[in-house]
């Protein structure tokens, strides 16, 4: 079985950025009925996050 697509948005986003390009992929998945996984970034200063995104 193929892995589901995964999005990695920030858990807390300011109001002005609610409809940014970070939501485009999720909106597209929902419109076509494609299941996907969400990994919320709650703290970008953790070692786990730095392993995936060394620049922050």
PDB file of N, CA and C in Angstrom:
ATOM      1  N   UNK A   1       0.832  -1.181   0.000  1.00  0.00           N
ATOM      2  CA  UNK A   1       0.000   0.000   0.000  1.00  0.00           C
ATOM      3  C   UNK A   1       0.882   1.251   0.000  1.00  0.00           C
ATOM      4  N   UNK A   2       0.530   2.210  -0.810  1.00  0.00           N
ATOM      5  CA  UNK A   2       1.308   3.448  -0.901  1.00  0.00           C
ATOM      6  C   UNK A   2       1.056   4.331   0.315  1.00  0.00           C
ATOM      7  N   UNK A   3       2.067   5.058   0.691  1.00  0.00           N
ATOM      8  CA  UNK A   3       1.935   5.977   1.817  1.00  0.00           C
ATOM      9  C   UNK A   3       1.044   7.151   1.427  1.00  0.00           C
ATOM     10  N   UNK A   4       0.320   7.656   2.400  1.00  0.00           N
ATOM     11  CA  UNK A   4      -0.530   8.820   2.162  1.00  0.00           C
ATOM     12  C   UNK A   4       0.332  10.073   2.019  1.00  0.00           C
ATOM     13  N   UNK A   5      -0.125  11.030   1.214  1.00  0.00           N
ATOM     14  CA  UNK A   5       0.584  12.309   1.183  1.00  0.00           C
ATOM     15  C   UNK A   5       0.553  12.930   2.574  1.00  0.00           C
ATOM     16  N   UNK A   6       1.581  13.694   2.897  1.00  0.00           N
ATOM     17  CA  UNK A   6       1.697  14.271   4.235  1.00  0.00           C
ATOM     18  C   UNK A   6       1.908  15.780   4.120  1.00  0.00           C
ATOM     19  N   UNK A   7       1.154  16.539   4.893  1.00  0.00           N
ATOM     20  CA  UNK A   7       1.374  17.977   4.983  1.00  0.00           C
ATOM     21  C   UNK A   7       1.928  18.285   6.370  1.00  0.00           C
ATOM     22  N   UNK A   8       2.710  19.336   6.459  1.00  0.00           N
ATOM     23  CA  UNK A   8       3.355  19.685   7.722  1.00  0.00           C
ATOM     24  C   UNK A   8       3.173  21.171   8.011  1.00  0.00           C
ATOM     25  N   UNK A   9       1.963  21.558   8.421  1.00  0.00           N
ATOM     26  CA  UNK A   9       1.715  22.972   8.710  1.00  0.00           C
ATOM     27  C   UNK A   9       2.065  23.312  10.160  1.00  0.00           C
ATOM     28  N   UNK A  10       2.203  24.606  10.412  1.00  0.00           N
ATOM     29  CA  UNK A  10       2.388  25.071  11.788  1.00  0.00           C
ATOM     30  C   UNK A  10       1.056  25.001  12.518  1.00  0.00           C
ATOM     31  N   UNK A  11       1.084  24.633  13.790  1.00  0.00           N
ATOM     32  CA  UNK A  11      -0.131  24.509  14.588  1.00  0.00           C
ATOM     33  C   UNK A  11      -0.791  25.866  14.823  1.00  0.00           C
ATOM     34  N   UNK A  12       0.001  26.887  15.081  1.00  0.00           N
ATOM     35  CA  UNK A  12      -0.538  28.225  15.320  1.00  0.00           C
ATOM     36  C   UNK A  12      -0.130  29.169  14.216  1.00  0.00           C
ATOM     37  N   UNK A  13      -1.104  29.673  13.480  1.00  0.00           N
ATOM     38  CA  UNK A  13      -0.827  30.576  12.373  1.00  0.00           C
ATOM     39  C   UNK A  13      -1.590  31.878  12.616  1.00  0.00           C
ATOM     40  N   UNK A  14      -0.944  33.032  12.450  1.00  0.00           N
ATOM     41  CA  UNK A  14      -1.653  34.305  12.627  1.00  0.00           C
ATOM     42  C   UNK A  14      -2.819  34.436  11.642  1.00  0.00           C
ATOM     43  N   UNK A  15      -3.805  35.220  12.009  1.00  0.00           N
ATOM     44  CA  UNK A  15      -4.996  35.378  11.167  1.00  0.00           C
ATOM     45  C   UNK A  15      -4.667  35.787   9.742  1.00  0.00           C
ATOM     46  N   UNK A  16      -3.694  36.693   9.558  1.00  0.00           N
ATOM     47  CA  UNK A  16      -3.392  37.172   8.210  1.00  0.00           C
ATOM     48  C   UNK A  16      -2.828  36.071   7.309  1.00  0.00           C
ATOM     49  N   UNK A  17      -2.352  34.981   7.886  1.00  0.00           N
ATOM     50  CA  UNK A  17      -1.748  33.910   7.096  1.00  0.00           C
ATOM     51  C   UNK A  17      -2.616  32.658   7.022  1.00  0.00           C
ATOM     52  N   UNK A  18      -3.846  32.721   7.466  1.00  0.00           N
ATOM     53  CA  UNK A  18      -4.716  31.538   7.499  1.00  0.00           C
ATOM     54  C   UNK A  18      -4.917  30.912   6.121  1.00  0.00           C
ATOM     55  N   UNK A  19      -5.026  31.700   5.078  1.00  0.00           N
ATOM     56  CA  UNK A  19      -5.269  31.165   3.735  1.00  0.00           C
ATOM     57  C   UNK A  19      -4.037  31.263   2.858  1.00  0.00           C
ATOM     58  N   UNK A  20      -2.874  31.013   3.431  1.00  0.00           N
ATOM     59  CA  UNK A  20      -1.633  31.094   2.669  1.00  0.00           C
ATOM     60  C   UNK A  20      -1.457  29.850   1.804  1.00  0.00           C
ATOM     61  N   UNK A  21      -0.380  29.815   1.064  1.00  0.00           N
ATOM     62  CA  UNK A  21      -0.139  28.683   0.171  1.00  0.00           C
ATOM     63  C   UNK A  21       0.041  27.377   0.943  1.00  0.00           C
ATOM     64  N   UNK A  22       0.296  27.451   2.240  1.00  0.00           N
ATOM     65  CA  UNK A  22       0.407  26.240   3.034  1.00  0.00           C
ATOM     66  C   UNK A  22      -0.889  25.456   3.131  1.00  0.00           C
ATOM     67  N   UNK A  23      -2.020  26.111   2.899  1.00  0.00           N
ATOM     68  CA  UNK A  23      -3.306  25.423   2.940  1.00  0.00           C
ATOM     69  C   UNK A  23      -3.750  24.934   1.567  1.00  0.00           C
ATOM     70  N   UNK A  24      -3.055  25.344   0.507  1.00  0.00           N
ATOM     71  CA  UNK A  24      -3.459  24.963  -0.852  1.00  0.00           C
ATOM     72  C   UNK A  24      -3.482  23.454  -1.051  1.00  0.00           C
ATOM     73  N   UNK A  25      -2.453  22.781  -0.591  1.00  0.00           N
ATOM     74  CA  UNK A  25      -2.394  21.327  -0.774  1.00  0.00           C
ATOM     75  C   UNK A  25      -3.525  20.638  -0.029  1.00  0.00           C
ATOM     76  N   UNK A  26      -3.778  21.052   1.200  1.00  0.00           N
ATOM     77  CA  UNK A  26      -4.867  20.434   1.966  1.00  0.00           C
ATOM     78  C   UNK A  26      -6.217  20.684   1.318  1.00  0.00           C
ATOM     79  N   UNK A  27      -6.424  21.886   0.819  1.00  0.00           N
ATOM     80  CA  UNK A  27      -7.682  22.205   0.137  1.00  0.00           C
ATOM     81  C   UNK A  27      -7.845  21.332  -1.097  1.00  0.00           C
ATOM     82  N   UNK A  28      -6.792  21.174  -1.870  1.00  0.00           N
ATOM     83  CA  UNK A  28      -6.857  20.341  -3.073  1.00  0.00           C
ATOM     84  C   UNK A  28      -7.149  18.884  -2.717  1.00  0.00           C
ATOM     85  N   UNK A  29      -6.486  18.353  -1.696  1.00  0.00           N
ATOM     86  CA  UNK A  29      -6.747  16.973  -1.274  1.00  0.00           C
ATOM     87  C   UNK A  29      -8.213  16.791  -0.888  1.00  0.00           C
ATOM     88  N   UNK A  30      -8.747  17.747  -0.140  1.00  0.00           N
ATOM     89  CA  UNK A  30     -10.136  17.642   0.301  1.00  0.00           C
ATOM     90  C   UNK A  30     -11.107  17.740  -0.870  1.00  0.00           C
ATOM     91  N   UNK A  31     -10.819  18.598  -1.833  1.00  0.00           N
ATOM     92  CA  UNK A  31     -11.723  18.767  -2.973  1.00  0.00           C
ATOM     93  C   UNK A  31     -11.824  17.504  -3.821  1.00  0.00           C
ATOM     94  N   UNK A  32     -10.737  16.760  -3.940  1.00  0.00           N
ATOM     95  CA  UNK A  32     -10.768  15.549  -4.768  1.00  0.00           C
ATOM     96  C   UNK A  32     -10.986  14.278  -3.950  1.00  0.00           C
ATOM     97  N   UNK A  33     -11.125  14.422  -2.621  1.00  0.00           N
ATOM     98  CA  UNK A  33     -11.382  13.259  -1.776  1.00  0.00           C
ATOM     99  C   UNK A  33     -10.155  12.416  -1.504  1.00  0.00           C
ATOM    100  N   UNK A  34      -8.981  12.983  -1.629  1.00  0.00           N
ATOM    101  CA  UNK A  34      -7.728  12.263  -1.383  1.00  0.00           C
ATOM    102  C   UNK A  34      -7.402  12.269   0.107  1.00  0.00           C
ATOM    103  N   UNK A  35      -7.292  11.098   0.725  1.00  0.00           N
ATOM    104  CA  UNK A  35      -6.864  11.072   2.127  1.00  0.00           C
ATOM    105  C   UNK A  35      -5.418  11.574   2.243  1.00  0.00           C
ATOM    106  N   UNK A  36      -5.112  12.181   3.373  1.00  0.00           N
ATOM    107  CA  UNK A  36      -3.764  12.690   3.613  1.00  0.00           C
ATOM    108  C   UNK A  36      -3.512  12.730   5.106  1.00  0.00           C
ATOM    109  N   UNK A  37      -2.252  12.818   5.468  1.00  0.00           N
ATOM    110  CA  UNK A  37      -1.866  12.903   6.869  1.00  0.00           C
ATOM    111  C   UNK A  37      -1.384  14.310   7.183  1.00  0.00           C
ATOM    112  N   UNK A  38      -1.596  14.738   8.422  1.00  0.00           N
ATOM    113  CA  UNK A  38      -1.166  16.061   8.861  1.00  0.00           C
ATOM    114  C   UNK A  38      -0.241  15.895  10.059  1.00  0.00           C
ATOM    115  N   UNK A  39       0.943  16.462   9.954  1.00  0.00           N
ATOM    116  CA  UNK A  39       1.885  16.515  11.078  1.00  0.00           C
ATOM    117  C   UNK A  39       2.013  17.979  11.478  1.00  0.00           C
ATOM    118  N   UNK A  40       1.375  18.356  12.561  1.00  0.00           N
ATOM    119  CA  UNK A  40       1.433  19.750  13.000  1.00  0.00           C
ATOM    120  C   UNK A  40       2.783  20.062  13.637  1.00  0.00           C
ATOM    121  N   UNK A  41       3.331  21.206  13.280  1.00  0.00           N
ATOM    122  CA  UNK A  41       4.557  21.684  13.899  1.00  0.00           C
ATOM    123  C   UNK A  41       4.140  22.537  15.089  1.00  0.00           C
ATOM    124  N   UNK A  42       4.347  22.017  16.263  1.00  0.00           N
ATOM    125  CA  UNK A  42       3.973  22.743  17.480  1.00  0.00           C
ATOM    126  C   UNK A  42       5.147  23.558  18.026  1.00  0.00           C
ATOM    127  N   UNK A  43       6.364  23.074  17.787  1.00  0.00           N
ATOM    128  CA  UNK A  43       7.549  23.780  18.273  1.00  0.00           C
ATOM    129  C   UNK A  43       8.678  23.566  17.271  1.00  0.00           C
ATOM    130  N   UNK A  44       9.020  24.588  16.508  1.00  0.00           N
ATOM    131  CA  UNK A  44      10.037  24.449  15.470  1.00  0.00           C
ATOM    132  C   UNK A  44      11.454  24.468  16.031  1.00  0.00           C
ATOM    133  N   UNK A  45      11.594  24.563  17.331  1.00  0.00           N
ATOM    134  CA  UNK A  45      12.929  24.593  17.947  1.00  0.00           C
ATOM    135  C   UNK A  45      13.387  23.227  18.440  1.00  0.00           C
ATOM    136  N   UNK A  46      12.580  22.191  18.241  1.00  0.00           N
ATOM    137  CA  UNK A  46      12.941  20.864  18.738  1.00  0.00           C
ATOM    138  C   UNK A  46      13.966  20.194  17.830  1.00  0.00           C
ATOM    139  N   UNK A  47      14.683  19.248  18.375  1.00  0.00           N
ATOM    140  CA  UNK A  47      15.676  18.500  17.593  1.00  0.00           C
ATOM    141  C   UNK A  47      15.013  17.706  16.473  1.00  0.00           C
ATOM    142  N   UNK A  48      13.825  17.166  16.725  1.00  0.00           N
ATOM    143  CA  UNK A  48      13.110  16.418  15.694  1.00  0.00           C
ATOM    144  C   UNK A  48      12.773  17.266  14.485  1.00  0.00           C
ATOM    145  N   UNK A  49      12.329  18.491  14.735  1.00  0.00           N
ATOM    146  CA  UNK A  49      12.019  19.387  13.628  1.00  0.00           C
ATOM    147  C   UNK A  49      13.293  19.814  12.908  1.00  0.00           C
ATOM    148  N   UNK A  50      14.333  20.068  13.644  1.00  0.00           N
ATOM    149  CA  UNK A  50      15.606  20.474  13.033  1.00  0.00           C
ATOM    150  C   UNK A  50      16.194  19.379  12.150  1.00  0.00           C
ATOM    151  N   UNK A  51      15.927  18.108  12.466  1.00  0.00           N
ATOM    152  CA  UNK A  51      16.398  17.017  11.602  1.00  0.00           C
ATOM    153  C   UNK A  51      15.718  17.081  10.243  1.00  0.00           C
ATOM    154  N   UNK A  52      14.427  17.449  10.219  1.00  0.00           N
ATOM    155  CA  UNK A  52      13.689  17.522   8.958  1.00  0.00           C
ATOM    156  C   UNK A  52      13.924  18.843   8.231  1.00  0.00           C
ATOM    157  N   UNK A  53      14.109  19.916   8.972  1.00  0.00           N
ATOM    158  CA  UNK A  53      14.272  21.260   8.400  1.00  0.00           C
ATOM    159  C   UNK A  53      15.389  21.982   9.155  1.00  0.00           C
ATOM    160  N   UNK A  54      16.628  21.778   8.732  1.00  0.00           N
ATOM    161  CA  UNK A  54      17.756  22.346   9.483  1.00  0.00           C
ATOM    162  C   UNK A  54      17.806  23.878   9.491  1.00  0.00           C
ATOM    163  N   UNK A  55      17.101  24.545   8.586  1.00  0.00           N
ATOM    164  CA  UNK A  55      17.135  25.998   8.532  1.00  0.00           C
ATOM    165  C   UNK A  55      16.007  26.649   9.300  1.00  0.00           C
ATOM    166  N   UNK A  56      15.210  25.849   9.998  1.00  0.00           N
ATOM    167  CA  UNK A  56      14.144  26.418  10.805  1.00  0.00           C
ATOM    168  C   UNK A  56      12.849  26.140  10.212  1.00  0.00           C
TER     169      UNK A  56
END
